[in-house]
């Protein structure tokens, strides 16, 4: 997926929650793509109550960015309250998340 348009997003934060039993698979995939292992903490969490992986991309941006995301079939959530009082938008799209990783984004602050 081409994510070049996402450069107009501001205050981008990537996060993953994964069941500890499935952490090795995620960590291997992330290491293969980035050359670095994910570190528990900011942006990466083990959650025993998760069945699978939950990926999130938090960000802020202008309305045009939402149109660009819609054009590549990425659903964006926006609530009455901002996420974590900092971000207006969030997406949980795995393909988009991994495309951002391939484009140079990393877990945590970007």
Protein backbone atom coordinates (compact mmCIF):
# COMPACT_ATOMS: atom_id res chain seq x y z
CA UNK A 1 0.00 0.00 0.00
CA UNK A 2 1.38 3.41 -0.94
CA UNK A 3 1.36 5.57 2.20
CA UNK A 4 3.35 8.53 0.90
CA UNK A 5 0.37 10.82 1.42
CA UNK A 6 0.50 10.09 5.17
CA UNK A 7 3.49 12.42 5.51
CA UNK A 8 0.98 15.23 6.01
CA UNK A 9 -0.19 13.62 9.28
CA UNK A 10 1.10 15.15 12.49
CA UNK A 11 1.81 13.74 15.94
CA UNK A 12 1.83 10.11 14.72
CA UNK A 13 2.01 7.29 17.27
CA UNK A 14 2.04 3.56 16.45
CA UNK A 15 0.93 1.05 19.06
CA UNK A 16 0.55 -2.72 19.27
CA UNK A 17 -1.05 -4.87 21.93
CA UNK A 18 -0.43 -8.59 21.63
CA UNK A 19 -1.13 -11.66 23.71
CA UNK A 20 2.17 -12.82 25.26
CA UNK A 21 1.65 -16.26 23.68
CA UNK A 22 1.74 -14.64 20.21
CA UNK A 23 4.44 -12.06 20.94
CA UNK A 24 7.25 -14.04 19.31
CA UNK A 25 5.53 -13.97 15.91
CA UNK A 26 4.98 -10.22 16.07
CA UNK A 27 8.50 -9.55 17.32
CA UNK A 28 10.01 -11.66 14.51
CA UNK A 29 7.96 -9.91 11.84
CA UNK A 30 8.84 -6.47 13.21
CA UNK A 31 12.54 -7.38 13.46
CA UNK A 32 12.59 -8.68 9.89
CA UNK A 33 11.13 -5.42 8.57
CA UNK A 34 12.96 -2.90 10.74
CA UNK A 35 16.20 -4.55 11.80
CA UNK A 36 15.39 -3.80 15.43
CA UNK A 37 13.42 -5.76 17.98
CA UNK A 38 10.37 -4.11 19.53
CA UNK A 39 10.81 -3.17 23.17
CA UNK A 40 8.01 -3.41 25.69
CA UNK A 41 6.88 0.00 26.79
CA UNK A 42 5.85 2.97 24.73
CA UNK A 43 4.03 1.62 21.70
CA UNK A 44 4.35 -2.10 22.48
CA UNK A 45 2.43 -3.98 25.15
CA UNK A 46 1.67 -7.56 26.10
CA UNK A 47 -2.02 -7.99 26.95
CA UNK A 48 -3.06 -11.47 28.14
CA UNK A 49 -6.73 -10.65 27.47
CA UNK A 50 -6.13 -10.21 23.70
CA UNK A 51 -6.93 -13.07 21.33
CA UNK A 52 -4.71 -11.67 18.63
CA UNK A 53 -2.80 -8.58 17.68
CA UNK A 54 -4.34 -5.17 18.03
CA UNK A 55 -2.58 -2.46 16.04
CA UNK A 56 -3.38 1.23 16.26
CA UNK A 57 -2.17 4.32 14.49
CA UNK A 58 -3.01 7.55 16.32
CA UNK A 59 -2.57 10.85 14.51
CA UNK A 60 -3.76 14.37 13.85
CA UNK A 61 -4.25 16.01 10.47
CA UNK A 62 -6.42 17.98 8.10
CA UNK A 63 -9.62 16.79 6.40
CA UNK A 64 -7.80 16.05 3.13
CA UNK A 65 -5.84 13.35 4.90
CA UNK A 66 -9.07 11.56 5.78
CA UNK A 67 -10.05 11.61 2.10
CA UNK A 68 -6.68 10.10 1.17
CA UNK A 69 -7.12 7.34 3.75
CA UNK A 70 -10.64 6.62 2.53
CA UNK A 71 -9.31 6.32 -1.03
CA UNK A 72 -7.13 3.36 0.06
CA UNK A 73 -9.99 1.83 2.11
CA UNK A 74 -8.55 2.67 5.53
CA UNK A 75 -11.32 3.32 8.04
CA UNK A 76 -10.54 6.16 10.44
CA UNK A 77 -12.21 6.48 13.81
CA UNK A 78 -12.82 9.86 15.31
CA UNK A 79 -14.67 10.29 18.53
CA UNK A 80 -16.34 13.12 20.33
CA UNK A 81 -13.33 13.11 22.62
CA UNK A 82 -9.81 12.86 21.30
CA UNK A 83 -7.93 9.62 21.87
CA UNK A 84 -5.83 9.88 24.99
CA UNK A 85 -6.64 13.62 25.00
CA UNK A 86 -3.96 14.11 22.36
CA UNK A 87 -5.01 12.56 19.06
CA UNK A 88 -8.16 13.24 17.09
CA UNK A 89 -7.93 10.19 14.82
CA UNK A 90 -7.18 6.51 15.10
CA UNK A 91 -7.11 3.58 12.71
CA UNK A 92 -6.82 -0.12 13.48
CA UNK A 93 -6.02 -1.26 9.95
CA UNK A 94 -3.29 -3.95 9.92
CA UNK A 95 -2.33 -3.50 6.27
CA UNK A 96 -1.96 0.23 6.78
CA UNK A 97 0.05 -0.29 9.98
CA UNK A 98 2.52 -2.63 8.27
CA UNK A 99 2.74 -0.32 5.25
CA UNK A 100 3.77 2.48 7.60
CA UNK A 101 6.39 0.21 9.18
CA UNK A 102 7.75 -0.60 5.70
CA UNK A 103 7.81 3.14 4.94
CA UNK A 104 10.02 3.87 7.97
CA UNK A 105 7.55 4.53 10.78
CA UNK A 106 8.23 2.75 14.06
CA UNK A 107 6.39 1.81 17.24
CA UNK A 108 5.84 4.75 19.54
CA UNK A 109 6.37 8.41 18.59
CA UNK A 110 7.08 9.25 14.96
